[in-house]
Amino acid sequence: MTNPPCPTCTLDDVLSHAELWECTICGHEWPKKTTGEQTRIVKDAHGTPLVDGDTVVLIKDLKLRGGSGVLKGGTKAKNIRLVEGDHDIDYRVDGVAMALKSCFVKKA
């Protein structure tokens, strides 16, 4: 695990103690439990937060990479799964896995 930067001076020279972090430059101390993994919030094109299992609708036509197919605007993607990366939505259509960017969908 890498040490987080100091929230006061933003430098990376930080010491790890049992229950807190300490900046060696400015001396600021803060608890470790508040610096844990931040939960990533994925939002649709309108700013609505998305969660696993949601149904979303495409807001525009999207060309499929590697072929001549097109996903039409208005197509529903049910039971989505949020993942890390550039394409942050995974879902299945007729047994075929697809990945979408959240900026091209709205929550249904």
PDB file of N, CA and C in Angstrom:
ATOM      1  N   MET A   1       0.844  -1.172   0.000  1.00  0.00           N
ATOM      2  CA  MET A   1       0.000   0.000   0.000  1.00  0.00           C
ATOM      3  C   MET A   1       0.890   1.237   0.000  1.00  0.00           C
ATOM      4  N   THR A   2       0.635   2.192  -0.848  1.00  0.00           N
ATOM      5  CA  THR A   2       1.419   3.421  -0.902  1.00  0.00           C
ATOM      6  C   THR A   2       0.853   4.429   0.078  1.00  0.00           C
ATOM      7  N   ASN A   3       1.736   5.263   0.579  1.00  0.00           N
ATOM      8  CA  ASN A   3       1.315   6.292   1.519  1.00  0.00           C
ATOM      9  C   ASN A   3       0.593   7.409   0.783  1.00  0.00           C
ATOM     10  N   PRO A   4      -0.502   7.918   1.351  1.00  0.00           N
ATOM     11  CA  PRO A   4      -1.225   9.007   0.701  1.00  0.00           C
ATOM     12  C   PRO A   4      -0.470  10.324   0.883  1.00  0.00           C
ATOM     13  N   PRO A   5      -0.714  11.306   0.023  1.00  0.00           N
ATOM     14  CA  PRO A   5      -0.092  12.603   0.222  1.00  0.00           C
ATOM     15  C   PRO A   5      -0.729  13.320   1.418  1.00  0.00           C
ATOM     16  N   CYS A   6       0.011  14.227   2.008  1.00  0.00           N
ATOM     17  CA  CYS A   6      -0.481  15.000   3.146  1.00  0.00           C
ATOM     18  C   CYS A   6      -1.633  15.896   2.687  1.00  0.00           C
ATOM     19  N   PRO A   7      -2.767  15.906   3.396  1.00  0.00           N
ATOM     20  CA  PRO A   7      -3.875  16.768   2.995  1.00  0.00           C
ATOM     21  C   PRO A   7      -3.592  18.252   3.228  1.00  0.00           C
ATOM     22  N   THR A   8      -2.596  18.577   4.053  1.00  0.00           N
ATOM     23  CA  THR A   8      -2.281  19.974   4.332  1.00  0.00           C
ATOM     24  C   THR A   8      -1.295  20.547   3.319  1.00  0.00           C
ATOM     25  N   CYS A   9      -0.147  19.880   3.150  1.00  0.00           N
ATOM     26  CA  CYS A   9       0.894  20.434   2.274  1.00  0.00           C
ATOM     27  C   CYS A   9       0.992  19.694   0.934  1.00  0.00           C
ATOM     28  N   THR A  10       0.261  18.612   0.757  1.00  0.00           N
ATOM     29  CA  THR A  10       0.191  17.780  -0.456  1.00  0.00           C
ATOM     30  C   THR A  10       1.514  17.132  -0.859  1.00  0.00           C
ATOM     31  N   LEU A  11       2.459  17.025   0.049  1.00  0.00           N
ATOM     32  CA  LEU A  11       3.720  16.355  -0.249  1.00  0.00           C
ATOM     33  C   LEU A  11       3.616  14.881   0.131  1.00  0.00           C
ATOM     34  N   ASP A  12       4.469  14.056  -0.459  1.00  0.00           N
ATOM     35  CA  ASP A  12       4.385  12.607  -0.285  1.00  0.00           C
ATOM     36  C   ASP A  12       5.289  12.044   0.801  1.00  0.00           C
ATOM     37  N   ASP A  13       5.974  12.876   1.555  1.00  0.00           N
ATOM     38  CA  ASP A  13       6.883  12.405   2.599  1.00  0.00           C
ATOM     39  C   ASP A  13       6.079  12.139   3.872  1.00  0.00           C
ATOM     40  N   VAL A  14       5.426  10.964   3.934  1.00  0.00           N
ATOM     41  CA  VAL A  14       4.485  10.640   5.000  1.00  0.00           C
ATOM     42  C   VAL A  14       4.933   9.371   5.708  1.00  0.00           C
ATOM     43  N   LEU A  15       4.838   9.389   7.048  1.00  0.00           N
ATOM     44  CA  LEU A  15       5.157   8.217   7.859  1.00  0.00           C
ATOM     45  C   LEU A  15       3.873   7.490   8.234  1.00  0.00           C
ATOM     46  N   SER A  16       3.953   6.171   8.282  1.00  0.00           N
ATOM     47  CA  SER A  16       2.812   5.357   8.656  1.00  0.00           C
ATOM     48  C   SER A  16       2.977   4.875  10.086  1.00  0.00           C
ATOM     49  N   HIS A  17       2.023   5.223  10.949  1.00  0.00           N
ATOM     50  CA  HIS A  17       1.983   4.721  12.327  1.00  0.00           C
ATOM     51  C   HIS A  17       0.833   3.731  12.424  1.00  0.00           C
ATOM     52  N   ALA A  18       0.626   3.145  13.590  1.00  0.00           N
ATOM     53  CA  ALA A  18      -0.389   2.112  13.746  1.00  0.00           C
ATOM     54  C   ALA A  18      -1.792   2.592  13.364  1.00  0.00           C
ATOM     55  N   GLU A  19      -2.191   3.767  13.819  1.00  0.00           N
ATOM     56  CA  GLU A  19      -3.546   4.229  13.551  1.00  0.00           C
ATOM     57  C   GLU A  19      -3.610   5.583  12.870  1.00  0.00           C
ATOM     58  N   LEU A  20      -2.468   6.150  12.491  1.00  0.00           N
ATOM     59  CA  LEU A  20      -2.503   7.453  11.849  1.00  0.00           C
ATOM     60  C   LEU A  20      -1.355   7.641  10.887  1.00  0.00           C
ATOM     61  N   TRP A  21      -1.507   8.642  10.017  1.00  0.00           N
ATOM     62  CA  TRP A  21      -0.450   9.065   9.098  1.00  0.00           C
ATOM     63  C   TRP A  21       0.165  10.339   9.665  1.00  0.00           C
ATOM     64  N   GLU A  22       1.479  10.543   9.431  1.00  0.00           N
ATOM     65  CA  GLU A  22       2.156  11.757   9.899  1.00  0.00           C
ATOM     66  C   GLU A  22       3.036  12.303   8.787  1.00  0.00           C
ATOM     67  N   CYS A  23       2.858  13.577   8.477  1.00  0.00           N
ATOM     68  CA  CYS A  23       3.677  14.233   7.465  1.00  0.00           C
ATOM     69  C   CYS A  23       4.988  14.663   8.113  1.00  0.00           C
ATOM     70  N   THR A  24       6.117  14.276   7.512  1.00  0.00           N
ATOM     71  CA  THR A  24       7.415  14.651   8.079  1.00  0.00           C
ATOM     72  C   THR A  24       7.802  16.081   7.735  1.00  0.00           C
ATOM     73  N   ILE A  25       7.134  16.703   6.782  1.00  0.00           N
ATOM     74  CA  ILE A  25       7.438  18.073   6.388  1.00  0.00           C
ATOM     75  C   ILE A  25       6.725  19.078   7.290  1.00  0.00           C
ATOM     76  N   CYS A  26       5.383  18.978   7.375  1.00  0.00           N
ATOM     77  CA  CYS A  26       4.619  19.973   8.135  1.00  0.00           C
ATOM     78  C   CYS A  26       4.166  19.463   9.499  1.00  0.00           C
ATOM     79  N   GLY A  27       4.281  18.160   9.762  1.00  0.00           N
ATOM     80  CA  GLY A  27       3.910  17.602  11.057  1.00  0.00           C
ATOM     81  C   GLY A  27       2.430  17.291  11.210  1.00  0.00           C
ATOM     82  N   HIS A  28       1.653  17.471  10.175  1.00  0.00           N
ATOM     83  CA  HIS A  28       0.214  17.194  10.246  1.00  0.00           C
ATOM     84  C   HIS A  28      -0.020  15.704  10.445  1.00  0.00           C
ATOM     85  N   GLU A  29      -0.972  15.363  11.342  1.00  0.00           N
ATOM     86  CA  GLU A  29      -1.350  13.973  11.588  1.00  0.00           C
ATOM     87  C   GLU A  29      -2.826  13.803  11.287  1.00  0.00           C
ATOM     88  N   TRP A  30      -3.186  12.646  10.678  1.00  0.00           N
ATOM     89  CA  TRP A  30      -4.586  12.349  10.402  1.00  0.00           C
ATOM     90  C   TRP A  30      -4.786  10.856  10.495  1.00  0.00           C
ATOM     91  N   PRO A  31      -6.017  10.431  10.894  1.00  0.00           N
ATOM     92  CA  PRO A  31      -6.273   9.000  11.101  1.00  0.00           C
ATOM     93  C   PRO A  31      -6.283   8.219   9.791  1.00  0.00           C
ATOM     94  N   LYS A  32      -5.866   6.953   9.884  1.00  0.00           N
ATOM     95  CA  LYS A  32      -5.819   6.095   8.700  1.00  0.00           C
ATOM     96  C   LYS A  32      -7.201   5.686   8.217  1.00  0.00           C
ATOM     97  N   LYS A  33      -8.154   5.529   9.116  1.00  0.00           N
ATOM     98  CA  LYS A  33      -9.450   5.015   8.703  1.00  0.00           C
ATOM     99  C   LYS A  33     -10.200   5.966   7.775  1.00  0.00           C
ATOM    100  N   THR A  34      -9.920   7.246   7.790  1.00  0.00           N
ATOM    101  CA  THR A  34     -10.600   8.176   6.896  1.00  0.00           C
ATOM    102  C   THR A  34      -9.932   8.258   5.535  1.00  0.00           C
ATOM    103  N   THR A  35      -8.734   7.716   5.391  1.00  0.00           N
ATOM    104  CA  THR A  35      -8.034   7.767   4.107  1.00  0.00           C
ATOM    105  C   THR A  35      -8.137   6.461   3.343  1.00  0.00           C
ATOM    106  N   GLY A  36      -9.051   5.580   3.762  1.00  0.00           N
ATOM    107  CA  GLY A  36      -9.204   4.290   3.100  1.00  0.00           C
ATOM    108  C   GLY A  36      -9.641   4.460   1.656  1.00  0.00           C
ATOM    109  N   GLU A  37      -9.829   3.338   0.998  1.00  0.00           N
ATOM    110  CA  GLU A  37     -10.239   3.344  -0.400  1.00  0.00           C
ATOM    111  C   GLU A  37     -11.501   4.179  -0.579  1.00  0.00           C
ATOM    112  N   GLN A  38     -11.438   5.127  -1.464  1.00  0.00           N
ATOM    113  CA  GLN A  38     -12.615   5.922  -1.780  1.00  0.00           C
ATOM    114  C   GLN A  38     -13.512   5.111  -2.703  1.00  0.00           C
ATOM    115  N   THR A  39     -14.801   5.094  -2.396  1.00  0.00           N
ATOM    116  CA  THR A  39     -15.722   4.406  -3.281  1.00  0.00           C
ATOM    117  C   THR A  39     -15.960   5.280  -4.495  1.00  0.00           C
ATOM    118  N   ARG A  40     -15.807   4.697  -5.641  1.00  0.00           N
ATOM    119  CA  ARG A  40     -15.954   5.433  -6.885  1.00  0.00           C
ATOM    120  C   ARG A  40     -17.429   5.555  -7.212  1.00  0.00           C
ATOM    121  N   ILE A  41     -17.855   6.765  -7.531  1.00  0.00           N
ATOM    122  CA  ILE A  41     -19.237   6.995  -7.895  1.00  0.00           C
ATOM    123  C   ILE A  41     -19.305   7.174  -9.405  1.00  0.00           C
ATOM    124  N   VAL A  42     -20.065   6.308 -10.059  1.00  0.00           N
ATOM    125  CA  VAL A  42     -20.240   6.374 -11.505  1.00  0.00           C
ATOM    126  C   VAL A  42     -21.569   7.072 -11.762  1.00  0.00           C
ATOM    127  N   LYS A  43     -21.538   8.102 -12.611  1.00  0.00           N
ATOM    128  CA  LYS A  43     -22.750   8.860 -12.914  1.00  0.00           C
ATOM    129  C   LYS A  43     -23.069   8.753 -14.394  1.00  0.00           C
ATOM    130  N   ASP A  44     -24.368   8.819 -14.707  1.00  0.00           N
ATOM    131  CA  ASP A  44     -24.792   8.769 -16.099  1.00  0.00           C
ATOM    132  C   ASP A  44     -24.616  10.138 -16.754  1.00  0.00           C
ATOM    133  N   ALA A  45     -25.095  10.293 -17.980  1.00  0.00           N
ATOM    134  CA  ALA A  45     -24.918  11.528 -18.734  1.00  0.00           C
ATOM    135  C   ALA A  45     -25.613  12.719 -18.080  1.00  0.00           C
ATOM    136  N   HIS A  46     -26.608  12.460 -17.246  1.00  0.00           N
ATOM    137  CA  HIS A  46     -27.356  13.530 -16.588  1.00  0.00           C
ATOM    138  C   HIS A  46     -26.922  13.742 -15.137  1.00  0.00           C
ATOM    139  N   GLY A  47     -25.919  13.024 -14.682  1.00  0.00           N
ATOM    140  CA  GLY A  47     -25.397  13.191 -13.325  1.00  0.00           C
ATOM    141  C   GLY A  47     -26.060  12.322 -12.277  1.00  0.00           C
ATOM    142  N   THR A  48     -26.887  11.387 -12.677  1.00  0.00           N
ATOM    143  CA  THR A  48     -27.534  10.473 -11.742  1.00  0.00           C
ATOM    144  C   THR A  48     -26.581   9.339 -11.395  1.00  0.00           C
ATOM    145  N   PRO A  49     -26.356   9.067 -10.102  1.00  0.00           N
ATOM    146  CA  PRO A  49     -25.457   7.968  -9.724  1.00  0.00           C
ATOM    147  C   PRO A  49     -26.010   6.614 -10.162  1.00  0.00           C
ATOM    148  N   LEU A  50     -25.110   5.747 -10.609  1.00  0.00           N
ATOM    149  CA  LEU A  50     -25.478   4.398 -11.036  1.00  0.00           C
ATOM    150  C   LEU A  50     -24.938   3.386 -10.040  1.00  0.00           C
ATOM    151  N   VAL A  51     -25.649   2.272  -9.886  1.00  0.00           N
ATOM    152  CA  VAL A  51     -25.195   1.177  -9.032  1.00  0.00           C
ATOM    153  C   VAL A  51     -25.328  -0.131  -9.801  1.00  0.00           C
ATOM    154  N   ASP A  52     -24.681  -1.181  -9.307  1.00  0.00           N
ATOM    155  CA  ASP A  52     -24.800  -2.501  -9.925  1.00  0.00           C
ATOM    156  C   ASP A  52     -26.268  -2.927  -9.958  1.00  0.00           C
ATOM    157  N   GLY A  53     -26.695  -3.506 -11.081  1.00  0.00           N
ATOM    158  CA  GLY A  53     -28.045  -4.001 -11.217  1.00  0.00           C
ATOM    159  C   GLY A  53     -29.025  -3.007 -11.825  1.00  0.00           C
ATOM    160  N   ASP A  54     -28.608  -1.773 -12.048  1.00  0.00           N
ATOM    161  CA  ASP A  54     -29.485  -0.772 -12.662  1.00  0.00           C
ATOM    162  C   ASP A  54     -29.778  -1.112 -14.115  1.00  0.00           C
ATOM    163  N   THR A  55     -30.815  -0.481 -14.653  1.00  0.00           N
ATOM    164  CA  THR A  55     -31.127  -0.539 -16.068  1.00  0.00           C
ATOM    165  C   THR A  55     -30.850   0.834 -16.643  1.00  0.00           C
ATOM    166  N   VAL A  56     -30.112   0.876 -17.753  1.00  0.00           N
ATOM    167  CA  VAL A  56     -29.770   2.151 -18.388  1.00  0.00           C
ATOM    168  C   VAL A  56     -30.215   2.123 -19.845  1.00  0.00           C
ATOM    169  N   VAL A  57     -30.342   3.318 -20.425  1.00  0.00           N
ATOM    170  CA  VAL A  57     -30.761   3.469 -21.812  1.00  0.00           C
ATOM    171  C   VAL A  57     -29.699   4.273 -22.544  1.00  0.00           C
ATOM    172  N   LEU A  58     -29.314   3.842 -23.738  1.00  0.00           N
ATOM    173  CA  LEU A  58     -28.349   4.588 -24.548  1.00  0.00           C
ATOM    174  C   LEU A  58     -28.966   5.904 -24.992  1.00  0.00           C
ATOM    175  N   ILE A  59     -28.185   6.987 -24.967  1.00  0.00           N
ATOM    176  CA  ILE A  59     -28.721   8.282 -25.363  1.00  0.00           C
ATOM    177  C   ILE A  59     -28.365   8.640 -26.804  1.00  0.00           C
ATOM    178  N   LYS A  60     -27.498   7.856 -27.435  1.00  0.00           N
ATOM    179  CA  LYS A  60     -27.152   8.101 -28.839  1.00  0.00           C
ATOM    180  C   LYS A  60     -26.716   6.801 -29.493  1.00  0.00           C
ATOM    181  N   ASP A  61     -26.679   6.772 -30.817  1.00  0.00           N
ATOM    182  CA  ASP A  61     -26.192   5.605 -31.548  1.00  0.00           C
ATOM    183  C   ASP A  61     -24.696   5.460 -31.323  1.00  0.00           C
ATOM    184  N   LEU A  62     -24.237   4.233 -31.107  1.00  0.00           N
ATOM    185  CA  LEU A  62     -22.816   3.950 -30.909  1.00  0.00           C
ATOM    186  C   LEU A  62     -22.369   2.876 -31.884  1.00  0.00           C
ATOM    187  N   LYS A  63     -21.272   3.134 -32.584  1.00  0.00           N
ATOM    188  CA  LYS A  63     -20.704   2.131 -33.485  1.00  0.00           C
ATOM    189  C   LYS A  63     -19.968   1.094 -32.649  1.00  0.00           C
ATOM    190  N   LEU A  64     -20.072  -0.167 -33.058  1.00  0.00           N
ATOM    191  CA  LEU A  64     -19.358  -1.237 -32.387  1.00  0.00           C
ATOM    192  C   LEU A  64     -17.959  -1.347 -32.969  1.00  0.00           C
ATOM    193  N   ARG A  65     -16.993  -1.467 -32.101  1.00  0.00           N
ATOM    194  CA  ARG A  65     -15.619  -1.588 -32.546  1.00  0.00           C
ATOM    195  C   ARG A  65     -15.404  -2.954 -33.186  1.00  0.00           C
ATOM    196  N   GLY A  66     -14.679  -2.984 -34.305  1.00  0.00           N
ATOM    197  CA  GLY A  66     -14.331  -4.240 -34.952  1.00  0.00           C
ATOM    198  C   GLY A  66     -15.410  -4.797 -35.848  1.00  0.00           C
ATOM    199  N   GLY A  67     -16.387  -4.011 -36.149  1.00  0.00           N
ATOM    200  CA  GLY A  67     -17.451  -4.513 -37.013  1.00  0.00           C
ATOM    201  C   GLY A  67     -18.267  -3.368 -37.583  1.00  0.00           C
ATOM    202  N   SER A  68     -19.301  -3.725 -38.294  1.00  0.00           N
ATOM    203  CA  SER A  68     -20.129  -2.686 -38.898  1.00  0.00           C
ATOM    204  C   SER A  68     -21.428  -2.492 -38.134  1.00  0.00           C
ATOM    205  N   GLY A  69     -21.553  -3.123 -36.975  1.00  0.00           N
ATOM    206  CA  GLY A  69     -22.780  -3.026 -36.202  1.00  0.00           C
ATOM    207  C   GLY A  69     -22.908  -1.703 -35.466  1.00  0.00           C
ATOM    208  N   VAL A  70     -24.143  -1.408 -35.075  1.00  0.00           N
ATOM    209  CA  VAL A  70     -24.436  -0.170 -34.354  1.00  0.00           C
ATOM    210  C   VAL A  70     -25.387  -0.489 -33.209  1.00  0.00           C
ATOM    211  N   LEU A  71     -25.118   0.085 -32.031  1.00  0.00           N
ATOM    212  CA  LEU A  71     -26.077   0.043 -30.932  1.00  0.00           C
ATOM    213  C   LEU A  71     -26.930   1.294 -31.061  1.00  0.00           C
ATOM    214  N   LYS A  72     -28.220   1.123 -31.234  1.00  0.00           N
ATOM    215  CA  LYS A  72     -29.131   2.242 -31.466  1.00  0.00           C
ATOM    216  C   LYS A  72     -29.425   2.987 -30.167  1.00  0.00           C
ATOM    217  N   GLY A  73     -29.589   4.300 -30.283  1.00  0.00           N
ATOM    218  CA  GLY A  73     -30.025   5.098 -29.152  1.00  0.00           C
ATOM    219  C   GLY A  73     -31.381   4.609 -28.682  1.00  0.00           C
ATOM    220  N   GLY A  74     -31.602   4.586 -27.376  1.00  0.00           N
ATOM    221  CA  GLY A  74     -32.848   4.069 -26.832  1.00  0.00           C
ATOM    222  C   GLY A  74     -32.781   2.608 -26.436  1.00  0.00           C
ATOM    223  N   THR A  75     -31.670   1.925 -26.773  1.00  0.00           N
ATOM    224  CA  THR A  75     -31.506   0.522 -26.403  1.00  0.00           C
ATOM    225  C   THR A  75     -31.310   0.412 -24.900  1.00  0.00           C
ATOM    226  N   LYS A  76     -32.018  -0.524 -24.265  1.00  0.00           N
ATOM    227  CA  LYS A  76     -31.905  -0.725 -22.818  1.00  0.00           C
ATOM    228  C   LYS A  76     -30.824  -1.753 -22.512  1.00  0.00           C
ATOM    229  N   ALA A  77     -30.060  -1.467 -21.494  1.00  0.00           N
ATOM    230  CA  ALA A  77     -29.088  -2.418 -20.960  1.00  0.00           C
ATOM    231  C   ALA A  77     -29.525  -2.715 -19.525  1.00  0.00           C
ATOM    232  N   LYS A  78     -29.950  -3.964 -19.275  1.00  0.00           N
ATOM    233  CA  LYS A  78     -30.468  -4.343 -17.963  1.00  0.00           C
ATOM    234  C   LYS A  78     -29.388  -5.020 -17.138  1.00  0.00           C
ATOM    235  N   ASN A  79     -29.529  -4.873 -15.830  1.00  0.00           N
ATOM    236  CA  ASN A  79     -28.653  -5.549 -14.878  1.00  0.00           C
ATOM    237  C   ASN A  79     -27.179  -5.255 -15.159  1.00  0.00           C
ATOM    238  N   ILE A  80     -26.825  -3.979 -15.169  1.00  0.00           N
ATOM    239  CA  ILE A  80     -25.443  -3.586 -15.458  1.00  0.00           C
ATOM    240  C   ILE A  80     -24.524  -3.913 -14.282  1.00  0.00           C
ATOM    241  N   ARG A  81     -23.232  -3.952 -14.579  1.00  0.00           N
ATOM    242  CA  ARG A  81     -22.210  -4.159 -13.558  1.00  0.00           C
ATOM    243  C   ARG A  81     -21.176  -3.059 -13.741  1.00  0.00           C
ATOM    244  N   LEU A  82     -20.850  -2.337 -12.660  1.00  0.00           N
ATOM    245  CA  LEU A  82     -19.860  -1.266 -12.717  1.00  0.00           C
ATOM    246  C   LEU A  82     -18.470  -1.843 -12.522  1.00  0.00           C
ATOM    247  N   VAL A  83     -17.545  -1.425 -13.378  1.00  0.00           N
ATOM    248  CA  VAL A  83     -16.175  -1.924 -13.342  1.00  0.00           C
ATOM    249  C   VAL A  83     -15.208  -0.755 -13.426  1.00  0.00           C
ATOM    250  N   GLU A  84     -13.955  -0.999 -13.114  1.00  0.00           N
ATOM    251  CA  GLU A  84     -12.913   0.013 -13.234  1.00  0.00           C
ATOM    252  C   GLU A  84     -12.478   0.135 -14.684  1.00  0.00           C
ATOM    253  N   GLY A  85     -12.038   1.304 -15.063  1.00  0.00           N
ATOM    254  CA  GLY A  85     -11.504   1.490 -16.402  1.00  0.00           C
ATOM    255  C   GLY A  85     -12.232   2.558 -17.177  1.00  0.00           C
ATOM    256  N   ASP A  86     -11.828   2.711 -18.434  1.00  0.00           N
ATOM    257  CA  ASP A  86     -12.403   3.732 -19.300  1.00  0.00           C
ATOM    258  C   ASP A  86     -13.865   3.418 -19.614  1.00  0.00           C
ATOM    259  N   HIS A  87     -14.157   2.178 -19.954  1.00  0.00           N
ATOM    260  CA  HIS A  87     -15.532   1.730 -20.171  1.00  0.00           C
ATOM    261  C   HIS A  87     -15.997   1.159 -18.842  1.00  0.00           C
ATOM    262  N   ASP A  88     -16.796   1.919 -18.104  1.00  0.00           N
ATOM    263  CA  ASP A  88     -17.077   1.563 -16.719  1.00  0.00           C
ATOM    264  C   ASP A  88     -18.390   0.817 -16.495  1.00  0.00           C
ATOM    265  N   ILE A  89     -19.073   0.411 -17.557  1.00  0.00           N
ATOM    266  CA  ILE A  89     -20.298  -0.378 -17.431  1.00  0.00           C
ATOM    267  C   ILE A  89     -20.152  -1.655 -18.258  1.00  0.00           C
ATOM    268  N   ASP A  90     -20.394  -2.799 -17.625  1.00  0.00           N
ATOM    269  CA  ASP A  90     -20.432  -4.092 -18.316  1.00  0.00           C
ATOM    270  C   ASP A  90     -21.848  -4.632 -18.261  1.00  0.00           C
ATOM    271  N   TYR A  91     -22.287  -5.249 -19.349  1.00  0.00           N
ATOM    272  CA  TYR A  91     -23.579  -5.912 -19.377  1.00  0.00           C
ATOM    273  C   TYR A  91     -23.558  -6.967 -20.468  1.00  0.00           C
ATOM    274  N   ARG A  92     -24.610  -7.793 -20.522  1.00  0.00           N
ATOM    275  CA  ARG A  92     -24.711  -8.860 -21.527  1.00  0.00           C
ATOM    276  C   ARG A  92     -25.969  -8.671 -22.348  1.00  0.00           C
ATOM    277  N   VAL A  93     -25.826  -8.871 -23.662  1.00  0.00           N
ATOM    278  CA  VAL A  93     -26.953  -8.843 -24.585  1.00  0.00           C
ATOM    279  C   VAL A  93     -26.908 -10.135 -25.383  1.00  0.00           C
ATOM    280  N   ASP A  94     -27.912 -10.947 -25.232  1.00  0.00           N
ATOM    281  CA  ASP A  94     -27.990 -12.233 -25.939  1.00  0.00           C
ATOM    282  C   ASP A  94     -26.719 -13.061 -25.760  1.00  0.00           C
ATOM    283  N   GLY A  95     -26.177 -13.082 -24.556  1.00  0.00           N
ATOM    284  CA  GLY A  95     -24.994 -13.868 -24.253  1.00  0.00           C
ATOM    285  C   GLY A  95     -23.680 -13.246 -24.683  1.00  0.00           C
ATOM    286  N   VAL A  96     -23.717 -12.037 -25.243  1.00  0.00           N
ATOM    287  CA  VAL A  96     -22.496 -11.352 -25.677  1.00  0.00           C
ATOM    288  C   VAL A  96     -22.180 -10.235 -24.683  1.00  0.00           C
ATOM    289  N   ALA A  97     -20.963 -10.222 -24.163  1.00  0.00           N
ATOM    290  CA  ALA A  97     -20.555  -9.202 -23.207  1.00  0.00           C
ATOM    291  C   ALA A  97     -20.263  -7.887 -23.934  1.00  0.00           C
ATOM    292  N   MET A  98     -20.738  -6.794 -23.364  1.00  0.00           N
ATOM    293  CA  MET A  98     -20.517  -5.458 -23.927  1.00  0.00           C
ATOM    294  C   MET A  98     -20.002  -4.558 -22.822  1.00  0.00           C
ATOM    295  N   ALA A  99     -19.271  -3.517 -23.221  1.00  0.00           N
ATOM    296  CA  ALA A  99     -18.786  -2.514 -22.286  1.00  0.00           C
ATOM    297  C   ALA A  99     -19.180  -1.134 -22.807  1.00  0.00           C
ATOM    298  N   LEU A 100     -19.624  -0.277 -21.909  1.00  0.00           N
ATOM    299  CA  LEU A 100     -20.065   1.073 -22.270  1.00  0.00           C
ATOM    300  C   LEU A 100     -19.395   2.103 -21.380  1.00  0.00           C
ATOM    301  N   LYS A 101     -19.334   3.320 -21.882  1.00  0.00           N
ATOM    302  CA  LYS A 101     -18.936   4.448 -21.052  1.00  0.00           C
ATOM    303  C   LYS A 101     -20.208   5.038 -20.448  1.00  0.00           C
ATOM    304  N   SER A 102     -20.129   5.447 -19.202  1.00  0.00           N
ATOM    305  CA  SER A 102     -21.316   5.955 -18.517  1.00  0.00           C
ATOM    306  C   SER A 102     -21.806   7.281 -19.102  1.00  0.00           C
ATOM    307  N   CYS A 103     -20.968   7.994 -19.845  1.00  0.00           N
ATOM    308  CA  CYS A 103     -21.385   9.276 -20.411  1.00  0.00           C
ATOM    309  C   CYS A 103     -22.347   9.100 -21.579  1.00  0.00           C
ATOM    310  N   PHE A 104     -22.557   7.881 -22.078  1.00  0.00           N
ATOM    311  CA  PHE A 104     -23.459   7.630 -23.198  1.00  0.00           C
ATOM    312  C   PHE A 104     -24.775   6.976 -22.779  1.00  0.00           C
ATOM    313  N   VAL A 105     -25.051   6.924 -21.471  1.00  0.00           N
ATOM    314  CA  VAL A 105     -26.274   6.301 -20.997  1.00  0.00           C
ATOM    315  C   VAL A 105     -26.992   7.211 -20.011  1.00  0.00           C
ATOM    316  N   LYS A 106     -28.284   6.925 -19.821  1.00  0.00           N
ATOM    317  CA  LYS A 106     -29.045   7.560 -18.751  1.00  0.00           C
ATOM    318  C   LYS A 106     -29.779   6.464 -18.008  1.00  0.00           C
ATOM    319  N   LYS A 107     -29.998   6.686 -16.719  1.00  0.00           N
ATOM    320  CA  LYS A 107     -30.664   5.685 -15.893  1.00  0.00           C
ATOM    321  C   LYS A 107     -32.126   5.582 -16.310  1.00  0.00           C
ATOM    322  N   ALA A 108     -32.609   4.358 -16.437  1.00  0.00           N
ATOM    323  CA  ALA A 108     -34.003   4.143 -16.864  1.00  0.00           C
ATOM    324  C   ALA A 108     -34.938   4.201 -15.672  1.00  0.00           C
TER     325      ALA A 108
END
